[in-house]
Protein backbone atom coordinates (compact mmCIF):
# COMPACT_ATOMS: atom_id res chain seq x y z
CA MET A 1 4.05 -11.76 7.05
CA VAL A 2 5.39 -8.28 5.63
CA TYR A 3 4.69 -9.26 2.19
CA SER A 4 1.10 -10.10 3.12
CA ILE A 5 0.71 -6.75 4.71
CA ILE A 6 2.18 -4.89 1.58
CA LYS A 7 -0.09 -6.98 -0.53
CA LEU A 8 -3.25 -6.16 1.38
CA VAL A 9 -2.49 -2.30 1.64
CA THR A 10 -1.59 -2.38 -2.24
CA TYR A 11 -4.91 -4.01 -3.04
CA ILE A 12 -7.05 -1.47 -0.56
CA GLY A 13 -5.22 1.38 -2.21
CA SER A 14 -5.91 0.01 -5.95
CA VAL A 15 -9.56 0.00 -5.14
CA MET A 16 -9.65 3.54 -3.66
CA VAL A 17 -7.66 4.90 -6.71
CA SER A 18 -9.73 2.96 -8.99
CA PHE A 19 -13.08 4.04 -7.54
CA TYR A 20 -11.47 7.69 -7.73
CA ALA A 21 -10.61 7.11 -11.47
CA LEU A 22 -13.93 5.70 -12.74
CA SER A 23 -15.99 8.41 -11.18
CA CYS A 24 -14.62 11.14 -13.40
CA ILE A 25 -16.15 9.37 -16.28
CA ASP A 26 -20.01 10.43 -16.89
CA PHE A 27 -21.51 6.82 -17.36
CA ALA A 28 -25.00 8.60 -17.36
CA ARG A 29 -24.75 8.62 -21.04
CA PHE A 30 -24.62 4.96 -21.29
CA LEU A 31 -27.40 4.05 -18.73
CA LYS A 32 -30.78 2.88 -19.95
CA LYS A 33 -33.61 4.18 -17.66
CA ASN A 34 -34.61 1.98 -14.66
CA LYS A 35 -31.18 0.09 -15.08
CA ALA A 36 -29.18 1.85 -12.11
CA ARG A 37 -28.88 -1.32 -9.68
CA GLU A 38 -27.36 -3.03 -12.67
CA PHE A 39 -25.09 -0.16 -13.56
CA ASN A 40 -23.94 0.06 -9.82
CA THR A 41 -23.18 -3.70 -10.03
CA LEU A 42 -21.03 -3.24 -13.35
CA PHE A 43 -19.65 -0.20 -11.67
CA ILE A 44 -18.35 -2.09 -8.65
CA LEU A 45 -17.10 -5.09 -10.99
CA MET A 46 -15.02 -2.73 -12.82
CA CYS A 47 -13.46 -0.82 -10.03
CA PHE A 48 -12.28 -4.22 -8.52
CA ALA A 49 -11.02 -5.65 -12.10
CA LEU A 50 -9.03 -2.37 -12.52
CA ALA A 51 -7.75 -2.53 -9.07
CA TYR A 52 -6.62 -6.08 -9.48
CA LEU A 53 -4.82 -5.32 -12.72
CA VAL A 54 -3.06 -2.45 -11.18
CA ALA A 55 -2.11 -3.97 -7.74
CA SER A 56 -0.88 -6.87 -9.61
CA PHE A 57 1.09 -4.82 -11.90
CA ILE A 58 2.65 -2.87 -8.86
CA LEU A 59 3.32 -6.07 -6.84
CA GLU A 60 4.96 -7.80 -9.87
CA PHE A 61 7.18 -4.74 -10.31
CA MET A 62 8.23 -4.84 -6.66
CA THR A 63 9.09 -8.64 -6.81
CA ILE A 64 11.30 -7.97 -9.94
CA ARG A 65 12.96 -4.91 -8.22
CA ILE A 66 13.64 -6.33 -4.77
CA GLY A 67 13.85 -10.22 -5.66
């Protein structure tokens, strides 16, 4: 039960950090005109993918250290 809560908090924290980290990049240079919806979808997917990778790394590192 405790590991599930730690896992959930880690994933949520990773999503917030990835949104913050990716927001510093100026993606407007790469956008085509009238493609804002597609870009927003891509941005959200990139944030979730980055968050998954970071959270998986942190959780795996914790299990190696603890276990």
